[in-house]
Amino acid sequence: MQNLLHSSFVPTLAQAGSGTNAILIGVGVVVLVFFFIIVAFLIQFINMYIQAYTSNAKVGFFDMIGMKLRKVDIRTVVINRIRAVKAGMDIETNKIETHYLAGGRVSNVISAMIAARGARIDLPWNTATAIDLAGRDILDAVNTSVNPKVIDCPAAAGPRTTIDAVAKDGIQLKVKARVTVRTNIGRLVGGATEETIIARVGQGIVSTIGSAADHKQVLENPDDISRKVMETGLDAGTAFEILSIDIADVDVGDNIGAKLQTDQANANKQMAQAEAEKRRALAVAQEQEYKAEEQKNRAAVVLAEAEVPRAMAEAFRNGRLGVMDYYKMQNVQADTSMRSAIAGEGPATQR
């Protein structure tokens, strides 16, 4: 009986042992796969971690993992932190990552800060990132601050090639100027751009030439334009500091004063002609009115003369006029006509 029980329990224990082993093997496989996944995920950070560590610009593993999850370019952050540390600036990883997430150009900002440090220009991280986020090229600004920039006035791509102004004697002068500027880092955010500098310089040149009594004075001393324009403080409120304004070329243009006088004389002439034409038209109209009045009066005379025969006929009928009276009147008219003919006056003239 015992043998039978023993023989029945042996297969059951064997089956239980094999099921446990299968579960352990499955768990081991899952753990191994998970381990390999973790290693494959972390191995991409090892190179950057070692590079940062050996450069004394440590960036933690968990920081890199967080950047990966936030979809930040880890290489950009690590490489630029290494560059900053090598240049003597310990910029925190979090600050670099924050600027990257804000849409800033991290490499441009770090390059600008390195250049500013080499040129002994005070450029804090907050100022550099603010300028970059404002859309300005911070690296170009630093380079311009170190190496001044020359601006053509007027701009080469503008609609006009010269600045035209007229002196008090009426002569036009055409001027080209070159403005040497240096970037003012402190006023870069919110400061006016090159277009404002060009407009202000052009305005100053026009004002200076316009106040000159004679264009020859400007031709003899063009540096007076530069000096007077510089004294007006044209760089106020701009992102630049004007170092000098140089007059590159001055040409004599048209005699604007003579043209204006000619145009005024032509205008006066046309006005006088219009006034004379107006008076002539009035005279013609008045003459026509007189002629109409004359014709009207002539018609009245004809009507009055037509009444004479009627009156005479009425006088004959009423007995107030006799035949002898009528003949005497005819003799008087005949005598009057003869005398007029002798005097050289015809009947038409007499009338």
Protein backbone atom coordinates (compact mmCIF):
# COMPACT_ATOMS: atom_id res chain seq x y z
CA MET A 1 0.00 0.00 0.00
CA GLN A 2 2.80 2.39 0.87
CA ASN A 3 4.55 1.55 -2.35
CA LEU A 4 1.45 2.41 -4.28
CA LEU A 5 1.11 5.79 -2.56
CA HIS A 6 4.78 6.56 -3.07
CA SER A 7 4.59 5.68 -6.70
CA SER A 8 1.54 7.96 -7.21
CA PHE A 9 3.09 11.05 -5.50
CA VAL A 10 6.43 11.00 -7.37
CA PRO A 11 5.04 12.14 -10.77
CA THR A 12 3.00 14.87 -9.13
CA LEU A 13 6.06 16.40 -7.42
CA ALA A 14 8.06 16.17 -10.61
CA GLN A 15 5.35 18.00 -12.54
CA ALA A 16 5.18 20.74 -9.86
CA GLY A 17 8.94 21.18 -9.94
CA SER A 18 9.02 21.51 -13.73
CA GLY A 19 6.20 24.15 -13.65
CA THR A 20 8.09 26.23 -11.09
CA ASN A 21 11.26 26.08 -13.16
CA ALA A 22 9.38 27.27 -16.25
CA ILE A 23 7.99 30.24 -14.33
CA LEU A 24 11.42 31.14 -13.01
CA ILE A 25 12.90 30.86 -16.46
CA GLY A 26 10.16 33.12 -17.88
CA VAL A 27 10.69 35.71 -15.14
CA GLY A 28 14.41 35.57 -15.73
CA VAL A 29 13.95 36.11 -19.44
CA VAL A 30 11.67 39.10 -18.81
CA VAL A 31 14.12 40.58 -16.32
CA LEU A 32 16.99 40.03 -18.74
CA VAL A 33 15.09 41.69 -21.61
CA PHE A 34 14.14 44.59 -19.38
CA PHE A 35 17.78 44.88 -18.30
CA PHE A 36 18.98 44.98 -21.87
CA ILE A 37 16.34 47.64 -22.70
CA ILE A 38 17.53 49.80 -19.80
CA VAL A 39 21.16 49.33 -20.83
CA ALA A 40 20.32 50.18 -24.46
CA PHE A 41 18.45 53.28 -23.25
CA LEU A 42 21.27 54.43 -20.96
CA ILE A 43 24.12 53.62 -23.30
CA GLN A 44 23.20 56.58 -25.51
CA PHE A 45 23.99 58.93 -22.60
CA ILE A 46 27.31 57.34 -21.60
CA ASN A 47 29.34 59.07 -24.29
CA MET A 48 27.93 62.53 -23.47
CA TYR A 49 28.24 61.88 -19.73
CA ILE A 50 31.90 60.89 -20.03
CA GLN A 51 32.62 63.86 -22.31
CA ALA A 52 31.01 66.28 -19.86
CA TYR A 53 32.63 64.64 -16.84
CA THR A 54 36.14 64.73 -18.30
CA SER A 55 35.61 68.40 -19.27
CA ASN A 56 34.68 69.29 -15.67
CA ALA A 57 31.21 70.28 -16.90
CA LYS A 58 29.24 67.55 -15.21
CA VAL A 59 25.75 66.77 -16.44
CA GLY A 60 23.87 64.12 -14.45
CA PHE A 61 22.34 60.98 -15.91
CA PHE A 62 18.92 61.86 -14.58
CA ASP A 63 19.25 65.33 -16.11
CA MET A 64 19.95 63.74 -19.48
CA ILE A 65 17.00 61.38 -19.10
CA GLY A 66 14.75 64.31 -18.26
CA MET A 67 16.00 66.19 -21.32
CA LYS A 68 15.30 63.17 -23.48
CA LEU A 69 11.76 62.95 -22.17
CA ARG A 70 11.26 66.69 -22.73
CA LYS A 71 12.53 66.30 -26.32
CA VAL A 72 15.56 68.50 -25.77
CA ASP A 73 18.64 68.04 -27.94
CA ILE A 74 21.01 66.66 -25.31
CA ARG A 75 24.08 67.13 -27.48
CA THR A 76 23.34 70.84 -27.95
CA VAL A 77 22.97 71.40 -24.21
CA VAL A 78 26.02 69.34 -23.18
CA ILE A 79 28.37 70.67 -25.87
CA ASN A 80 27.47 74.29 -25.13
CA ARG A 81 27.87 73.77 -21.38
CA ILE A 82 31.32 72.32 -22.06
CA ARG A 83 32.16 75.35 -24.23
CA ALA A 84 31.02 77.73 -21.52
CA VAL A 85 33.00 75.97 -18.79
CA LYS A 86 36.13 75.87 -20.94
CA ALA A 87 35.74 79.62 -21.48
CA GLY A 88 35.54 80.19 -17.73
CA MET A 89 31.76 80.54 -17.39
CA ASP A 90 29.90 78.01 -15.26
CA ILE A 91 26.39 78.19 -16.73
CA GLU A 92 23.95 75.76 -15.19
CA THR A 93 22.51 72.99 -17.32
CA ASN A 94 18.98 73.97 -16.33
CA LYS A 95 19.47 77.53 -17.67
CA ILE A 96 20.75 76.25 -21.01
CA GLU A 97 17.87 73.79 -21.28
CA THR A 98 15.35 76.50 -20.37
CA HIS A 99 16.64 78.77 -23.12
CA TYR A 100 16.51 75.89 -25.60
CA LEU A 101 12.90 75.14 -24.70
CA ALA A 102 12.06 78.85 -25.08
CA GLY A 103 13.14 78.67 -28.73
CA GLY A 104 16.49 80.41 -28.28
CA ARG A 105 19.65 79.84 -30.25
CA VAL A 106 21.83 78.31 -27.55
CA SER A 107 25.00 77.98 -29.65
CA ASN A 108 24.70 81.60 -30.81
CA VAL A 109 24.29 82.87 -27.23
CA ILE A 110 27.26 80.86 -25.90
CA SER A 111 29.44 82.02 -28.81
CA ALA A 112 28.44 85.64 -28.15
CA MET A 113 29.23 85.33 -24.43
CA ILE A 114 32.61 83.77 -25.18
CA ALA A 115 33.41 86.58 -27.64
CA ALA A 116 32.22 89.22 -25.15
CA ARG A 117 34.34 87.69 -22.39
CA GLY A 118 37.39 87.73 -24.67
CA ALA A 119 36.71 91.39 -25.52
CA ARG A 120 36.07 92.25 -21.83
CA ILE A 121 32.47 93.23 -22.50
CA ASP A 122 30.03 92.69 -19.65
CA LEU A 123 27.36 90.36 -21.05
CA PRO A 124 25.42 88.41 -18.38
CA TRP A 125 23.48 85.28 -19.29
CA ASN A 126 20.08 86.90 -18.68
CA THR A 127 20.90 89.84 -20.95
CA ALA A 128 22.25 87.60 -23.72
CA THR A 129 19.21 85.30 -23.67
CA ALA A 130 16.80 88.26 -23.59
CA ILE A 131 18.47 89.77 -26.66
CA ASP A 132 18.39 86.42 -28.45
CA LEU A 133 14.70 85.82 -27.66
CA ALA A 134 13.92 89.35 -28.87
CA GLY A 135 15.00 88.24 -32.34
CA ARG A 136 18.30 90.12 -32.45
CA ASP A 137 21.52 88.43 -33.54
CA ILE A 138 23.49 88.62 -30.30
CA LEU A 139 26.67 87.27 -31.88
CA ASP A 140 26.58 89.91 -34.62
CA ALA A 141 25.89 92.56 -31.97
CA VAL A 142 28.97 91.53 -30.00
CA ASN A 143 31.09 91.44 -33.15
CA THR A 144 29.84 94.92 -34.08
CA SER A 145 30.62 96.12 -30.58
CA VAL A 146 34.19 94.88 -30.97
CA ASN A 147 34.59 95.80 -34.65
CA PRO A 148 32.55 98.96 -35.49
CA LYS A 149 30.25 98.76 -38.48
CA VAL A 150 29.98 101.23 -41.38
CA ILE A 151 26.46 102.13 -42.56
CA ASP A 152 25.88 103.83 -45.92
CA CYS A 153 23.54 106.80 -45.80
CA PRO A 154 21.32 106.58 -47.75
CA ALA A 155 21.20 102.78 -47.80
CA ALA A 156 22.61 101.15 -50.92
CA ALA A 157 19.39 99.18 -51.42
CA GLY A 158 17.17 102.24 -50.91
CA PRO A 159 15.14 104.08 -53.55
CA ARG A 160 17.55 107.06 -53.64
CA THR A 161 21.31 107.08 -54.08
CA THR A 162 21.98 110.50 -52.50
CA ILE A 163 20.60 112.81 -49.84
CA ASP A 164 19.35 115.93 -51.64
CA ALA A 165 19.16 119.27 -49.83
CA VAL A 166 18.90 122.92 -50.92
CA ALA A 167 20.94 125.79 -49.45
CA LYS A 168 19.48 129.24 -48.91
CA ASP A 169 20.87 130.46 -52.24
CA GLY A 170 18.67 127.91 -54.02
CA ILE A 171 21.44 125.52 -55.15
CA GLN A 172 20.80 121.81 -54.63
CA LEU A 173 23.52 119.61 -53.12
CA LYS A 174 23.62 115.83 -53.35
CA VAL A 175 25.41 114.17 -50.45
CA LYS A 176 26.54 110.64 -49.62
CA ALA A 177 27.59 109.86 -46.05
CA ARG A 178 29.01 106.91 -44.12
CA VAL A 179 28.17 106.39 -40.49
CA THR A 180 30.45 104.34 -38.25
CA VAL A 181 28.51 102.75 -35.39
CA ARG A 182 29.18 100.40 -32.51
CA THR A 183 26.52 98.23 -30.88
CA ASN A 184 25.36 99.32 -27.46
CA ILE A 185 24.60 95.99 -25.73
CA GLY A 186 22.63 97.65 -22.95
CA ARG A 187 20.22 99.29 -25.41
CA LEU A 188 19.96 96.40 -27.84
CA VAL A 189 16.60 95.25 -26.48
CA GLY A 190 14.05 97.91 -27.36
CA GLY A 191 16.56 100.11 -29.20
CA ALA A 192 15.97 101.42 -32.70
CA THR A 193 17.62 99.72 -35.67
CA GLU A 194 19.90 100.87 -38.51
CA GLU A 195 16.95 102.34 -40.44
CA THR A 196 16.44 104.89 -37.68
CA ILE A 197 20.13 105.87 -37.75
CA ILE A 198 19.97 106.35 -41.53
CA ALA A 199 16.78 108.43 -41.30
CA ARG A 200 18.16 110.65 -38.52
CA VAL A 201 21.46 111.23 -40.28
CA GLY A 202 19.64 112.13 -43.49
CA GLN A 203 17.42 114.55 -41.59
CA GLY A 204 20.45 116.16 -39.94
CA ILE A 205 22.25 116.59 -43.27
CA VAL A 206 19.20 118.17 -44.92
CA SER A 207 18.74 120.53 -41.96
CA THR A 208 22.42 121.54 -41.91
CA ILE A 209 22.58 122.25 -45.66
CA GLY A 210 19.24 124.06 -45.55
CA SER A 211 20.55 126.44 -42.88
CA ALA A 212 23.69 127.28 -44.90
CA ALA A 213 23.58 130.73 -46.51
CA ASP A 214 25.62 129.64 -49.53
CA HIS A 215 26.21 126.23 -51.05
CA LYS A 216 29.87 127.16 -51.54
CA GLN A 217 30.34 127.15 -47.77
CA VAL A 218 29.19 123.54 -47.65
CA LEU A 219 31.50 122.57 -50.52
CA GLU A 220 34.45 124.28 -48.84
CA ASN A 221 33.84 122.76 -45.39
CA PRO A 222 31.91 119.48 -45.63
CA ASP A 223 33.17 118.53 -42.17
CA ASP A 224 30.82 121.18 -40.77
CA ILE A 225 27.95 118.88 -41.71
CA SER A 226 29.48 115.99 -39.75
CA ARG A 227 30.16 118.14 -36.71
CA LYS A 228 26.71 119.71 -36.57
CA VAL A 229 24.96 116.38 -37.14
CA MET A 230 27.02 114.67 -34.44
CA GLU A 231 26.12 117.43 -31.97
CA THR A 232 22.42 116.62 -32.26
CA GLY A 233 22.74 113.25 -30.49
CA LEU A 234 21.28 111.08 -33.23
CA ASP A 235 22.00 107.79 -31.42
CA ALA A 236 19.60 108.49 -28.55
CA GLY A 237 17.15 105.63 -28.11
CA THR A 238 18.90 103.42 -30.66
CA ALA A 239 20.82 100.17 -30.26
CA PHE A 240 23.99 101.81 -31.55
CA GLU A 241 26.57 104.37 -30.56
CA ILE A 242 27.60 106.65 -33.42
CA LEU A 243 31.39 106.97 -33.55
CA SER A 244 31.68 109.22 -36.61
CA ILE A 245 29.79 110.59 -39.59
CA ASP A 246 31.92 111.04 -42.70
CA ILE A 247 30.81 112.85 -45.86
CA ALA A 248 31.86 110.59 -48.70
CA ASP A 249 30.72 112.74 -51.63
CA VAL A 250 29.10 116.13 -52.31
CA ASP A 251 27.81 117.03 -55.79
CA VAL A 252 26.10 120.19 -57.02
CA GLY A 253 22.62 119.55 -58.37
CA ASP A 254 20.05 121.80 -59.98
CA ASN A 255 19.37 125.47 -59.30
CA ILE A 256 16.15 124.87 -57.44
CA GLY A 257 15.72 128.56 -56.59
CA ALA A 258 15.77 129.57 -60.24
CA LYS A 259 13.37 126.79 -61.16
CA LEU A 260 11.00 127.88 -58.43
CA GLN A 261 11.17 131.49 -59.60
CA THR A 262 10.55 130.40 -63.19
CA ASP A 263 7.63 128.26 -62.16
CA GLN A 264 6.25 131.13 -60.11
CA ALA A 265 6.63 133.54 -63.03
CA ASN A 266 4.86 131.08 -65.34
CA ALA A 267 2.11 130.70 -62.79
CA ASN A 268 1.74 134.47 -62.49
CA LYS A 269 1.72 134.76 -66.28
CA GLN A 270 -1.00 132.18 -66.60
CA MET A 271 -3.00 133.92 -63.89
CA ALA A 272 -2.63 137.27 -65.69
CA GLN A 273 -3.64 135.68 -68.99
CA ALA A 274 -6.64 134.10 -67.35
CA GLU A 275 -7.62 137.41 -65.80
CA ALA A 276 -7.23 139.22 -69.17
CA GLU A 277 -9.28 136.55 -70.89
CA LYS A 278 -11.90 136.97 -68.23
CA ARG A 279 -12.01 140.74 -68.78
CA ARG A 280 -12.15 140.28 -72.58
CA ALA A 281 -15.03 137.84 -72.23
CA LEU A 282 -16.84 140.33 -70.01
CA ALA A 283 -16.23 143.11 -72.54
CA VAL A 284 -17.51 140.94 -75.39
CA ALA A 285 -20.57 140.04 -73.38
CA GLN A 286 -21.20 143.69 -72.51
CA GLU A 287 -20.78 144.67 -76.18
CA GLN A 288 -23.34 142.09 -77.18
CA GLU A 289 -25.66 143.47 -74.55
CA TYR A 290 -25.20 146.99 -75.95
CA LYS A 291 -25.89 145.75 -79.48
CA ALA A 292 -29.01 144.00 -78.28
CA GLU A 293 -30.10 147.17 -76.52
CA GLU A 294 -29.42 149.18 -79.68
CA GLN A 295 -31.51 146.81 -81.76
CA LYS A 296 -34.23 147.05 -79.20
CA ASN A 297 -34.14 150.86 -79.35
CA ARG A 298 -34.12 150.78 -83.17
CA ALA A 299 -37.15 148.55 -83.11
CA ALA A 300 -38.83 151.03 -80.78
CA VAL A 301 -37.99 153.89 -83.20
CA VAL A 302 -39.39 151.94 -86.14
CA LEU A 303 -42.53 151.29 -84.18
CA ALA A 304 -42.78 154.98 -83.29
CA GLU A 305 -42.21 156.02 -86.94
CA ALA A 306 -44.92 153.60 -87.99
CA GLU A 307 -47.34 155.47 -85.75
CA VAL A 308 -46.75 158.80 -87.64
CA PRO A 309 -48.73 157.91 -90.78
CA ARG A 310 -51.51 156.53 -88.62
CA ALA A 311 -51.59 159.74 -86.58
CA MET A 312 -51.63 161.84 -89.77
CA ALA A 313 -54.43 159.75 -91.22
CA GLU A 314 -56.34 160.10 -87.98
CA ALA A 315 -55.72 163.91 -88.07
CA PHE A 316 -57.02 164.09 -91.64
CA ARG A 317 -60.16 162.19 -90.70
CA ASN A 318 -60.74 164.32 -87.62
CA GLY A 319 -60.06 167.57 -89.53
CA ARG A 320 -57.14 168.61 -87.37
CA LEU A 321 -54.73 168.52 -90.35
CA GLY A 322 -55.42 170.16 -93.68
CA VAL A 323 -54.04 169.53 -97.11
CA MET A 324 -51.98 172.70 -97.06
CA ASP A 325 -50.46 171.78 -93.77
CA TYR A 326 -49.46 168.45 -95.21
CA TYR A 327 -47.80 170.06 -98.24
CA LYS A 328 -45.88 172.47 -96.05
CA MET A 329 -44.58 169.55 -94.02
CA GLN A 330 -43.48 167.79 -97.23
CA ASN A 331 -41.66 170.94 -98.34
CA VAL A 332 -39.85 171.16 -95.01
CA GLN A 333 -38.76 167.50 -95.28
CA ALA A 334 -37.56 168.01 -98.85
CA ASP A 335 -35.62 171.14 -97.86
CA THR A 336 -34.04 169.24 -94.96
CA SER A 337 -33.01 166.35 -97.21
CA MET A 338 -31.47 168.73 -99.76
CA ARG A 339 -29.43 170.48 -97.10
CA SER A 340 -28.21 167.14 -95.76
CA ALA A 341 -27.19 166.06 -99.23
CA ILE A 342 -25.29 169.30 -99.75
CA ALA A 343 -23.61 168.86 -96.39
CA GLY A 344 -22.50 165.31 -97.38
CA GLU A 345 -24.90 163.45 -95.16
CA GLY A 346 -27.11 160.86 -96.72
CA PRO A 347 -30.46 159.76 -95.46
CA ALA A 348 -28.91 156.76 -93.73
CA THR A 349 -26.38 158.97 -92.00
CA GLN A 350 -29.07 161.43 -91.05
CA ARG A 351 -30.95 158.61 -89.45
